Amino acid sequence: MSYFLFFWQFFLLFLLILIPYSLFKLGYSNLDNNQKLIWCLIILLIPFFGGLAYLLVMRNKKIIK
């Protein structure tokens, strides 16, 4: 039972870090506003897969500083 609890706590902690980090990187990307809105909805509606998908797909794109 404790392994099950540890897994879910680790998973929730990972999500608490992944979602804001993905949204932060999305905010500073040089995508169009429509593309940013679509990615934001994907990240928020499908948190685990949306955040990972954004980070994997957009990792080589340039970011406005």
PDB file of N, CA and C in Angstrom:
ATOM      1  N   MET A   1       0.824  -1.202   0.000  1.00  0.00           N
ATOM      2  CA  MET A   1       0.000   0.000   0.000  1.00  0.00           C
ATOM      3  C   MET A   1       0.864   1.260   0.000  1.00  0.00           C
ATOM      4  N   SER A   2       1.991   1.243   0.675  1.00  0.00           N
ATOM      5  CA  SER A   2       2.817   2.445   0.747  1.00  0.00           C
ATOM      6  C   SER A   2       3.472   2.749  -0.602  1.00  0.00           C
ATOM      7  N   TYR A   3       3.763   1.709  -1.414  1.00  0.00           N
ATOM      8  CA  TYR A   3       4.330   1.961  -2.742  1.00  0.00           C
ATOM      9  C   TYR A   3       3.315   2.649  -3.642  1.00  0.00           C
ATOM     10  N   PHE A   4       2.074   2.247  -3.513  1.00  0.00           N
ATOM     11  CA  PHE A   4       1.003   2.858  -4.285  1.00  0.00           C
ATOM     12  C   PHE A   4       0.858   4.336  -3.930  1.00  0.00           C
ATOM     13  N   LEU A   5       0.892   4.649  -2.651  1.00  0.00           N
ATOM     14  CA  LEU A   5       0.791   6.028  -2.189  1.00  0.00           C
ATOM     15  C   LEU A   5       2.006   6.838  -2.654  1.00  0.00           C
ATOM     16  N   PHE A   6       3.193   6.245  -2.572  1.00  0.00           N
ATOM     17  CA  PHE A   6       4.407   6.923  -3.020  1.00  0.00           C
ATOM     18  C   PHE A   6       4.326   7.244  -4.508  1.00  0.00           C
ATOM     19  N   PHE A   7       3.840   6.300  -5.307  1.00  0.00           N
ATOM     20  CA  PHE A   7       3.715   6.509  -6.739  1.00  0.00           C
ATOM     21  C   PHE A   7       2.806   7.692  -7.038  1.00  0.00           C
ATOM     22  N   TRP A   8       1.645   7.767  -6.417  1.00  0.00           N
ATOM     23  CA  TRP A   8       0.705   8.859  -6.690  1.00  0.00           C
ATOM     24  C   TRP A   8       1.228  10.194  -6.190  1.00  0.00           C
ATOM     25  N   GLN A   9       1.913  10.197  -5.062  1.00  0.00           N
ATOM     26  CA  GLN A   9       2.494  11.444  -4.583  1.00  0.00           C
ATOM     27  C   GLN A   9       3.593  11.928  -5.521  1.00  0.00           C
ATOM     28  N   PHE A  10       4.407  11.026  -6.009  1.00  0.00           N
ATOM     29  CA  PHE A  10       5.453  11.385  -6.956  1.00  0.00           C
ATOM     30  C   PHE A  10       4.840  11.886  -8.259  1.00  0.00           C
ATOM     31  N   PHE A  11       3.793  11.224  -8.739  1.00  0.00           N
ATOM     32  CA  PHE A  11       3.107  11.613  -9.964  1.00  0.00           C
ATOM     33  C   PHE A  11       2.495  13.008  -9.823  1.00  0.00           C
ATOM     34  N   LEU A  12       1.844  13.296  -8.712  1.00  0.00           N
ATOM     35  CA  LEU A  12       1.247  14.614  -8.497  1.00  0.00           C
ATOM     36  C   LEU A  12       2.311  15.700  -8.364  1.00  0.00           C
ATOM     37  N   LEU A  13       3.405  15.395  -7.719  1.00  0.00           N
ATOM     38  CA  LEU A  13       4.504  16.355  -7.628  1.00  0.00           C
ATOM     39  C   LEU A  13       5.087  16.640  -9.002  1.00  0.00           C
ATOM     40  N   PHE A  14       5.232  15.598  -9.803  1.00  0.00           N
ATOM     41  CA  PHE A  14       5.717  15.768 -11.166  1.00  0.00           C
ATOM     42  C   PHE A  14       4.772  16.660 -11.961  1.00  0.00           C
ATOM     43  N   LEU A  15       3.462  16.470 -11.823  1.00  0.00           N
ATOM     44  CA  LEU A  15       2.487  17.304 -12.523  1.00  0.00           C
ATOM     45  C   LEU A  15       2.528  18.746 -12.033  1.00  0.00           C
ATOM     46  N   LEU A  16       2.720  18.939 -10.738  1.00  0.00           N
ATOM     47  CA  LEU A  16       2.787  20.290 -10.182  1.00  0.00           C
ATOM     48  C   LEU A  16       4.009  21.053 -10.698  1.00  0.00           C
ATOM     49  N   ILE A  17       5.005  20.349 -11.132  1.00  0.00           N
ATOM     50  CA  ILE A  17       6.184  20.992 -11.707  1.00  0.00           C
ATOM     51  C   ILE A  17       6.054  21.092 -13.223  1.00  0.00           C
ATOM     52  N   LEU A  18       5.540  20.047 -13.855  1.00  0.00           N
ATOM     53  CA  LEU A  18       5.467  19.989 -15.313  1.00  0.00           C
ATOM     54  C   LEU A  18       4.515  21.021 -15.905  1.00  0.00           C
ATOM     55  N   ILE A  19       3.343  21.174 -15.334  1.00  0.00           N
ATOM     56  CA  ILE A  19       2.335  22.074 -15.915  1.00  0.00           C
ATOM     57  C   ILE A  19       2.789  23.534 -15.875  1.00  0.00           C
ATOM     58  N   PRO A  20       3.197  24.080 -14.723  1.00  0.00           N
ATOM     59  CA  PRO A  20       3.650  25.480 -14.740  1.00  0.00           C
ATOM     60  C   PRO A  20       4.891  25.698 -15.611  1.00  0.00           C
ATOM     61  N   TYR A  21       5.805  24.732 -15.627  1.00  0.00           N
ATOM     62  CA  TYR A  21       7.003  24.862 -16.455  1.00  0.00           C
ATOM     63  C   TYR A  21       6.635  24.901 -17.935  1.00  0.00           C
ATOM     64  N   SER A  22       5.732  24.037 -18.358  1.00  0.00           N
ATOM     65  CA  SER A  22       5.288  24.023 -19.755  1.00  0.00           C
ATOM     66  C   SER A  22       4.588  25.327 -20.119  1.00  0.00           C
ATOM     67  N   LEU A  23       3.725  25.807 -19.236  1.00  0.00           N
ATOM     68  CA  LEU A  23       3.017  27.053 -19.510  1.00  0.00           C
ATOM     69  C   LEU A  23       3.974  28.244 -19.526  1.00  0.00           C
ATOM     70  N   PHE A  24       4.982  28.225 -18.667  1.00  0.00           N
ATOM     71  CA  PHE A  24       5.983  29.292 -18.642  1.00  0.00           C
ATOM     72  C   PHE A  24       6.761  29.323 -19.952  1.00  0.00           C
ATOM     73  N   LYS A  25       7.221  28.148 -20.408  1.00  0.00           N
ATOM     74  CA  LYS A  25       7.949  28.090 -21.677  1.00  0.00           C
ATOM     75  C   LYS A  25       7.048  28.467 -22.840  1.00  0.00           C
ATOM     76  N   LEU A  26       5.788  28.103 -22.763  1.00  0.00           N
ATOM     77  CA  LEU A  26       4.836  28.462 -23.813  1.00  0.00           C
ATOM     78  C   LEU A  26       4.642  29.968 -23.879  1.00  0.00           C
ATOM     79  N   GLY A  27       4.575  30.626 -22.731  1.00  0.00           N
ATOM     80  CA  GLY A  27       4.388  32.066 -22.699  1.00  0.00           C
ATOM     81  C   GLY A  27       5.515  32.839 -23.343  1.00  0.00           C
ATOM     82  N   TYR A  28       6.740  32.325 -23.265  1.00  0.00           N
ATOM     83  CA  TYR A  28       7.887  33.009 -23.830  1.00  0.00           C
ATOM     84  C   TYR A  28       8.278  32.487 -25.213  1.00  0.00           C
ATOM     85  N   SER A  29       7.478  31.604 -25.787  1.00  0.00           N
ATOM     86  CA  SER A  29       7.800  31.104 -27.119  1.00  0.00           C
ATOM     87  C   SER A  29       7.357  32.105 -28.175  1.00  0.00           C
ATOM     88  N   ASN A  30       7.863  31.947 -29.366  1.00  0.00           N
ATOM     89  CA  ASN A  30       7.519  32.875 -30.433  1.00  0.00           C
ATOM     90  C   ASN A  30       6.433  32.309 -31.355  1.00  0.00           C
ATOM     91  N   LEU A  31       5.504  31.578 -30.803  1.00  0.00           N
ATOM     92  CA  LEU A  31       4.372  31.058 -31.560  1.00  0.00           C
ATOM     93  C   LEU A  31       3.313  32.140 -31.726  1.00  0.00           C
ATOM     94  N   ASP A  32       2.439  31.941 -32.710  1.00  0.00           N
ATOM     95  CA  ASP A  32       1.295  32.849 -32.858  1.00  0.00           C
ATOM     96  C   ASP A  32       0.372  32.694 -31.660  1.00  0.00           C
ATOM     97  N   ASN A  33      -0.461  33.700 -31.429  1.00  0.00           N
ATOM     98  CA  ASN A  33      -1.385  33.640 -30.293  1.00  0.00           C
ATOM     99  C   ASN A  33      -2.360  32.477 -30.400  1.00  0.00           C
ATOM    100  N   ASN A  34      -2.798  32.156 -31.621  1.00  0.00           N
ATOM    101  CA  ASN A  34      -3.714  31.023 -31.797  1.00  0.00           C
ATOM    102  C   ASN A  34      -3.034  29.709 -31.440  1.00  0.00           C
ATOM    103  N   GLN A  35      -1.782  29.554 -31.848  1.00  0.00           N
ATOM    104  CA  GLN A  35      -1.047  28.341 -31.512  1.00  0.00           C
ATOM    105  C   GLN A  35      -0.797  28.248 -30.009  1.00  0.00           C
ATOM    106  N   LYS A  36      -0.502  29.389 -29.383  1.00  0.00           N
ATOM    107  CA  LYS A  36      -0.314  29.391 -27.933  1.00  0.00           C
ATOM    108  C   LYS A  36      -1.596  28.987 -27.211  1.00  0.00           C
ATOM    109  N   LEU A  37      -2.732  29.479 -27.692  1.00  0.00           N
ATOM    110  CA  LEU A  37      -4.017  29.127 -27.084  1.00  0.00           C
ATOM    111  C   LEU A  37      -4.294  27.639 -27.219  1.00  0.00           C
ATOM    112  N   ILE A  38      -4.034  27.083 -28.386  1.00  0.00           N
ATOM    113  CA  ILE A  38      -4.259  25.646 -28.590  1.00  0.00           C
ATOM    114  C   ILE A  38      -3.355  24.822 -27.691  1.00  0.00           C
ATOM    115  N   TRP A  39      -2.060  25.178 -27.612  1.00  0.00           N
ATOM    116  CA  TRP A  39      -1.143  24.452 -26.737  1.00  0.00           C
ATOM    117  C   TRP A  39      -1.538  24.599 -25.269  1.00  0.00           C
ATOM    118  N   CYS A  40      -1.987  25.790 -24.893  1.00  0.00           N
ATOM    119  CA  CYS A  40      -2.407  26.012 -23.508  1.00  0.00           C
ATOM    120  C   CYS A  40      -3.590  25.112 -23.159  1.00  0.00           C
ATOM    121  N   LEU A  41      -4.551  25.022 -24.054  1.00  0.00           N
ATOM    122  CA  LEU A  41      -5.706  24.152 -23.809  1.00  0.00           C
ATOM    123  C   LEU A  41      -5.298  22.687 -23.742  1.00  0.00           C
ATOM    124  N   ILE A  42      -4.385  22.285 -24.604  1.00  0.00           N
ATOM    125  CA  ILE A  42      -3.912  20.901 -24.565  1.00  0.00           C
ATOM    126  C   ILE A  42      -3.208  20.613 -23.246  1.00  0.00           C
ATOM    127  N   ILE A  43      -2.357  21.519 -22.811  1.00  0.00           N
ATOM    128  CA  ILE A  43      -1.618  21.325 -21.554  1.00  0.00           C
ATOM    129  C   ILE A  43      -2.564  21.280 -20.361  1.00  0.00           C
ATOM    130  N   LEU A  44      -3.587  22.128 -20.355  1.00  0.00           N
ATOM    131  CA  LEU A  44      -4.489  22.180 -19.213  1.00  0.00           C
ATOM    132  C   LEU A  44      -5.541  21.074 -19.215  1.00  0.00           C
ATOM    133  N   LEU A  45      -5.987  20.647 -20.389  1.00  0.00           N
ATOM    134  CA  LEU A  45      -7.028  19.623 -20.456  1.00  0.00           C
ATOM    135  C   LEU A  45      -6.475  18.204 -20.384  1.00  0.00           C
ATOM    136  N   ILE A  46      -5.258  18.013 -20.859  1.00  0.00           N
ATOM    137  CA  ILE A  46      -4.598  16.705 -20.788  1.00  0.00           C
ATOM    138  C   ILE A  46      -3.242  16.935 -20.130  1.00  0.00           C
ATOM    139  N   PRO A  47      -3.209  17.147 -18.828  1.00  0.00           N
ATOM    140  CA  PRO A  47      -2.005  17.662 -18.168  1.00  0.00           C
ATOM    141  C   PRO A  47      -0.733  16.848 -18.402  1.00  0.00           C
ATOM    142  N   PHE A  48      -0.758  15.572 -18.151  1.00  0.00           N
ATOM    143  CA  PHE A  48       0.483  14.798 -18.242  1.00  0.00           C
ATOM    144  C   PHE A  48       0.963  14.692 -19.678  1.00  0.00           C
ATOM    145  N   PHE A  49       0.096  14.239 -20.566  1.00  0.00           N
ATOM    146  CA  PHE A  49       0.501  14.052 -21.956  1.00  0.00           C
ATOM    147  C   PHE A  49       0.641  15.378 -22.696  1.00  0.00           C
ATOM    148  N   GLY A  50      -0.176  16.355 -22.360  1.00  0.00           N
ATOM    149  CA  GLY A  50      -0.079  17.652 -23.011  1.00  0.00           C
ATOM    150  C   GLY A  50       1.219  18.363 -22.684  1.00  0.00           C
ATOM    151  N   GLY A  51       1.598  18.346 -21.417  1.00  0.00           N
ATOM    152  CA  GLY A  51       2.856  18.980 -21.009  1.00  0.00           C
ATOM    153  C   GLY A  51       4.063  18.292 -21.616  1.00  0.00           C
ATOM    154  N   LEU A  52       4.055  16.965 -21.595  1.00  0.00           N
ATOM    155  CA  LEU A  52       5.172  16.232 -22.194  1.00  0.00           C
ATOM    156  C   LEU A  52       5.213  16.429 -23.703  1.00  0.00           C
ATOM    157  N   ALA A  53       4.065  16.415 -24.333  1.00  0.00           N
ATOM    158  CA  ALA A  53       4.022  16.609 -25.786  1.00  0.00           C
ATOM    159  C   ALA A  53       4.574  17.979 -26.158  1.00  0.00           C
ATOM    160  N   TYR A  54       4.179  19.006 -25.425  1.00  0.00           N
ATOM    161  CA  TYR A  54       4.687  20.345 -25.731  1.00  0.00           C
ATOM    162  C   TYR A  54       6.202  20.401 -25.569  1.00  0.00           C
ATOM    163  N   LEU A  55       6.702  19.868 -24.470  1.00  0.00           N
ATOM    164  CA  LEU A  55       8.146  19.941 -24.236  1.00  0.00           C
ATOM    165  C   LEU A  55       8.931  19.121 -25.258  1.00  0.00           C
ATOM    166  N   LEU A  56       8.389  18.004 -25.697  1.00  0.00           N
ATOM    167  CA  LEU A  56       9.101  17.188 -26.680  1.00  0.00           C
ATOM    168  C   LEU A  56       9.018  17.772 -28.085  1.00  0.00           C
ATOM    169  N   VAL A  57       7.852  18.280 -28.465  1.00  0.00           N
ATOM    170  CA  VAL A  57       7.676  18.811 -29.814  1.00  0.00           C
ATOM    171  C   VAL A  57       8.370  20.145 -29.971  1.00  0.00           C
ATOM    172  N   MET A  58       8.310  20.985 -28.980  1.00  0.00           N
ATOM    173  CA  MET A  58       8.815  22.348 -29.099  1.00  0.00           C
ATOM    174  C   MET A  58      10.204  22.542 -28.504  1.00  0.00           C
ATOM    175  N   ARG A  59      10.930  21.493 -28.199  1.00  0.00           N
ATOM    176  CA  ARG A  59      12.215  21.652 -27.517  1.00  0.00           C
ATOM    177  C   ARG A  59      13.277  22.331 -28.380  1.00  0.00           C
ATOM    178  N   ASN A  60      13.170  22.216 -29.691  1.00  0.00           N
ATOM    179  CA  ASN A  60      14.182  22.808 -30.571  1.00  0.00           C
ATOM    180  C   ASN A  60      13.757  24.160 -31.131  1.00  0.00           C
ATOM    181  N   LYS A  61      12.609  24.653 -30.743  1.00  0.00           N
ATOM    182  CA  LYS A  61      12.139  25.941 -31.238  1.00  0.00           C
ATOM    183  C   LYS A  61      12.804  27.059 -30.454  1.00  0.00           C
ATOM    184  N   LYS A  62      12.999  28.204 -31.114  1.00  0.00           N
ATOM    185  CA  LYS A  62      13.626  29.346 -30.452  1.00  0.00           C
ATOM    186  C   LYS A  62      12.646  30.033 -29.520  1.00  0.00           C
ATOM    187  N   ILE A  63      13.163  30.582 -28.447  1.00  0.00           N
ATOM    188  CA  ILE A  63      12.356  31.273 -27.446  1.00  0.00           C
ATOM    189  C   ILE A  63      12.756  32.737 -27.426  1.00  0.00           C
ATOM    190  N   ILE A  64      11.791  33.615 -27.375  1.00  0.00           N
ATOM    191  CA  ILE A  64      12.037  35.057 -27.272  1.00  0.00           C
ATOM    192  C   ILE A  64      12.485  35.357 -25.846  1.00  0.00           C
ATOM    193  N   LYS A  65      13.567  36.092 -25.715  1.00  0.00           N
ATOM    194  CA  LYS A  65      14.068  36.415 -24.370  1.00  0.00           C
ATOM    195  C   LYS A  65      13.808  37.852 -24.033  1.00  0.00           C
TER     196      LYS A  65
END
